[in-house]
Protein backbone atom coordinates (compact mmCIF):
# COMPACT_ATOMS: atom_id res chain seq x y z
CA MET A 1 108.21 53.37 78.66
CA VAL A 2 108.34 56.65 80.61
CA ARG A 3 106.08 57.12 83.63
CA ALA A 4 105.36 60.64 84.99
CA VAL A 5 105.32 60.98 88.74
CA ARG A 6 104.70 63.88 91.10
CA ASN A 7 107.73 65.00 93.06
CA GLU A 8 106.35 64.92 96.63
CA GLN A 9 109.29 66.81 98.06
CA GLN A 10 108.85 69.78 95.74
CA LYS A 11 105.03 69.76 95.73
CA PHE A 12 105.23 71.89 92.58
CA ASN A 13 106.63 74.81 94.57
CA ILE A 14 109.33 75.25 91.96
CA PRO A 15 108.85 75.06 88.18
CA GLU A 16 110.08 71.49 87.76
CA ILE A 17 108.52 68.05 87.47
CA GLY A 18 110.36 64.75 87.64
CA PHE A 19 110.10 61.92 85.12
CA LEU A 20 111.18 58.56 86.37
CA TRP A 21 112.65 56.08 83.93
CA ASP A 22 112.02 52.39 84.58
CA SER A 23 115.73 52.19 85.32
CA GLY A 24 115.15 54.46 88.33
CA GLU A 25 117.15 57.35 86.89
CA ALA A 26 115.33 60.68 87.39
CA ILE A 27 115.65 63.69 85.11
CA ASN A 28 113.98 67.11 85.31
CA PHE A 29 112.20 69.08 82.62
CA PRO A 30 111.41 72.77 83.27
CA LEU A 31 107.80 73.92 83.26
CA SER A 32 106.62 77.43 82.58
CA SER A 33 106.48 79.81 85.53
CA ASP A 34 102.80 80.38 84.72
CA PHE A 35 102.07 76.68 85.25
CA ALA A 36 104.05 76.60 88.51
CA GLY A 37 102.40 79.78 89.77
CA GLU A 38 98.93 78.52 88.95
CA THR A 39 99.66 75.24 90.76
CA ILE A 40 100.75 77.13 93.87
CA ARG A 41 97.64 79.34 93.75
CA ARG A 42 95.39 76.31 93.32
CA ASP A 43 96.94 74.54 96.30
CA ASN A 44 96.88 77.76 98.37
CA PRO A 45 93.81 79.79 97.38
CA ASN A 46 94.42 82.25 100.22
CA LEU A 47 98.02 82.97 99.22
CA PRO A 48 97.37 86.21 97.24
CA LEU A 49 95.26 87.57 100.12
CA ALA A 50 97.94 86.47 102.59
CA LYS A 51 100.60 88.42 100.70
CA GLN A 52 98.49 91.56 100.62
CA THR A 53 97.52 91.19 104.28
CA TYR A 54 101.16 90.76 105.31
CA ASN A 55 102.16 93.92 103.47
CA ASP A 56 99.26 95.80 105.06
CA ILE A 57 99.92 94.93 108.70
CA ARG A 58 103.71 94.50 108.87
CA MET A 59 105.72 97.23 110.59
CA PHE A 60 109.43 97.72 111.15
CA HIS A 61 111.51 98.84 114.12
CA GLY A 62 115.18 99.74 113.96
CA THR A 63 117.26 98.67 116.93
CA SER A 64 120.47 96.90 117.97
CA PRO A 65 121.07 93.12 117.79
CA ALA A 66 120.62 92.88 121.57
CA GLY A 67 117.45 94.95 121.38
CA LYS A 68 116.10 92.76 118.61
CA ALA A 69 116.67 89.57 120.61
CA SER A 70 114.93 91.10 123.61
CA ILE A 71 111.94 92.28 121.58
CA GLN A 72 111.55 88.91 119.85
CA ASN A 73 111.64 87.13 123.21
CA TYR A 74 109.56 89.49 125.35
CA GLY A 75 107.83 91.92 122.99
CA PHE A 76 107.91 95.71 123.05
CA LEU A 77 107.90 96.62 126.76
CA LEU A 78 108.13 100.22 127.92
CA ASP A 79 109.54 99.26 131.31
CA GLN A 80 112.34 97.33 129.59
CA LYS A 81 113.57 100.15 127.36
CA THR A 82 117.29 100.84 127.67
CA PHE A 83 119.79 103.32 126.21
CA GLY A 84 118.48 104.25 122.78
CA ALA A 85 118.65 106.63 119.84
CA MET A 86 117.34 109.64 121.77
CA ASP A 87 119.85 109.13 124.58
CA ARG A 88 122.62 108.93 122.00
CA LEU A 89 121.42 112.11 120.30
CA ILE A 90 121.35 113.99 123.61
CA GLN A 91 124.82 112.64 124.39
CA ILE A 92 126.17 113.99 121.10
CA ARG A 93 124.28 117.28 120.70
CA GLY A 94 123.14 118.15 124.18
CA ARG A 95 119.63 118.27 125.62
CA ASN A 96 119.12 121.91 124.59
CA GLN A 97 119.18 120.82 120.92
CA ILE A 98 116.23 118.46 121.36
CA LEU A 99 112.70 119.62 120.59
CA PRO A 100 110.52 120.05 123.68
CA GLY A 101 108.61 116.87 124.39
CA ALA A 102 110.72 114.66 122.11
CA GLU A 103 112.74 113.08 124.91
CA GLN A 104 109.64 112.35 126.99
CA GLN A 105 107.96 110.74 124.00
CA ALA A 106 111.02 108.62 123.23
CA ASN A 107 110.96 107.25 126.77
CA ASN A 108 107.23 106.56 126.82
CA ALA A 109 106.46 105.17 123.37
CA HIS A 110 107.51 102.45 120.97
CA HIS A 111 108.63 103.66 117.56
CA LEU A 112 107.57 101.88 114.37
CA THR A 113 107.53 102.59 110.67
CA VAL A 114 105.90 101.12 107.59
CA GLN A 115 109.10 101.70 105.59
CA ARG A 116 112.03 99.33 106.03
CA ASN A 117 114.59 101.87 104.82
CA VAL A 118 113.49 104.27 107.59
CA ALA A 119 113.90 101.51 110.18
CA ARG A 120 117.36 100.80 108.80
CA GLN A 121 118.30 104.46 109.24
CA TYR A 122 117.27 104.36 112.88
CA ALA A 123 118.82 100.95 113.50
CA GLY A 124 122.02 101.22 115.48
CA ALA A 125 121.46 104.91 116.23
CA ALA A 126 122.39 104.15 119.84
CA GLY A 127 125.83 103.00 118.64
CA GLN A 128 125.35 99.35 119.58
CA GLY A 129 125.06 97.62 116.21
CA ARG A 130 122.21 97.47 113.72
CA ALA A 131 119.17 95.23 113.42
CA VAL A 132 115.58 95.42 112.17
CA VAL A 133 112.56 93.81 113.82
CA ARG A 134 109.23 93.13 112.13
CA THR A 135 105.95 93.13 114.00
CA LEU A 136 102.37 92.54 112.87
CA ILE A 137 99.64 94.94 113.98
CA ASN A 138 96.23 94.07 112.61
CA ASN A 139 94.24 96.82 114.34
CA ARG A 140 96.21 100.07 114.61
CA GLN A 141 93.44 101.88 116.41
CA ALA A 142 93.15 99.22 119.11
CA THR A 143 96.93 99.22 119.53
CA GLY A 144 97.00 103.01 119.83
CA VAL A 145 99.26 103.52 116.82
CA PHE A 146 99.44 107.07 115.47
CA PRO A 147 101.89 109.20 113.41
CA ASP A 148 105.04 110.34 115.19
CA PRO A 149 104.75 114.14 115.53
CA PHE A 150 108.52 114.54 115.79
CA SER A 151 109.38 112.72 112.55
CA ARG A 152 109.53 114.26 109.12
CA ALA A 153 106.47 114.05 106.89
CA GLY A 154 106.44 111.05 104.57
CA SER A 155 108.72 108.95 106.74
CA GLY A 156 105.91 106.58 107.68
CA ALA A 157 107.06 106.87 111.31
CA LEU A 158 104.51 105.79 113.91
CA ILE A 159 104.40 105.42 117.66
CA THR A 160 102.31 103.65 120.26
CA GLU A 161 102.31 104.02 124.02
CA GLN A 162 100.96 100.49 124.44
CA ASP A 163 103.16 97.46 124.82
CA ILE A 164 103.19 94.92 121.96
CA PRO A 165 103.33 91.22 122.96
CA ALA A 166 106.04 88.90 121.69
CA SER A 167 103.32 86.85 119.97
CA SER A 168 102.95 89.72 117.48
CA VAL A 169 106.69 90.04 116.82
CA LEU A 170 108.10 87.95 113.99
CA GLY A 171 110.96 85.60 114.63
CA SER A 172 113.35 84.40 111.97
CA LYS A 173 111.57 82.80 109.04
CA ALA A 174 114.21 80.09 108.94
CA PHE A 175 113.13 78.70 112.32
CA GLN A 176 109.37 78.79 111.55
CA SER A 177 108.67 79.76 115.15
CA GLY A 178 105.02 80.53 114.54
CA GLN A 179 105.37 83.97 116.13
CA GLY A 180 102.84 86.35 114.65
CA SER A 181 100.50 83.61 113.39
CA ARG A 182 97.69 84.49 115.80
CA GLU A 183 97.78 88.16 114.79
CA PHE A 184 98.04 87.13 111.16
CA ARG A 185 95.04 84.83 111.45
CA ALA A 186 92.98 87.65 112.97
CA ALA A 187 93.93 89.89 110.06
CA LEU A 188 92.95 87.23 107.52
CA ARG A 189 89.64 86.58 109.26
CA ALA A 190 88.93 90.32 109.23
CA ARG A 191 89.31 90.05 105.46
CA ARG A 192 86.78 87.17 105.38
CA ALA A 193 89.31 84.36 104.98
CA SER A 194 88.40 81.43 107.21
CA VAL A 195 91.68 79.77 108.19
CA SER A 196 92.85 77.76 111.17
CA GLU A 197 95.82 78.90 113.24
CA SER A 198 97.99 76.19 111.66
CA GLN A 199 96.95 77.36 108.18
CA ALA A 200 97.69 80.95 109.14
CA ARG A 201 101.10 79.85 110.36
CA ARG A 202 101.93 78.13 107.07
CA LEU A 203 100.68 81.08 105.02
CA LEU A 204 102.67 83.53 107.12
CA ASN A 205 105.83 81.52 106.64
CA GLN A 206 105.28 81.57 102.88
CA VAL A 207 104.79 85.31 102.60
CA GLN A 208 107.02 86.55 105.45
CA SER A 209 110.03 88.60 104.52
CA ASP A 210 112.94 87.93 106.86
CA SER A 211 115.01 90.42 108.80
CA GLU A 212 118.14 88.37 109.34
CA ASP A 213 120.02 89.75 106.33
CA ASP A 214 118.82 93.35 106.20
CA PHE A 215 122.36 94.71 106.36
CA PHE A 216 124.11 92.33 104.00
């Protein structure tokens, strides 16, 4: 006799189900991706909304590995800014080649973009290695985010003169740090999804794209 059992470790998160023979030998039979997907959606009814919300509020910032570590630990802090892309550009081309006001803005604003490829282009511009940081901003108006007047049209480049706390900066998905979960929960609640902070944390970990391998 064959007895079907649920694989508690997998929790149907992959399209497989285990059948346990009386002898104790387990074998796997593949299930359709539709069945697996429907199971995941049934267990996580907020997952589709979580994916859309993540894509709506996630922003990128290109920096160096050291800059990334600092931002993840302390957030975006204007008084902690060090040698960056603008300084490097002035060093190479000279200050007279910089548009009026651009240097002042670079020193007094945090630069973000909604496009990862743009962040990758800026990453390492200071000549100190390349890295990309992701941050969640639920309310752009409240955070003072507006288009960067010195960036080309269509680049999705944005700036804010307000600091962004570390709690809104995503850590590595692999470590499940919980960073960003409070901001993510606020965004979900603004979209009429009633979730606890622990639920928001789990949903964020499921939908979060990671930044650890952006250059591999």
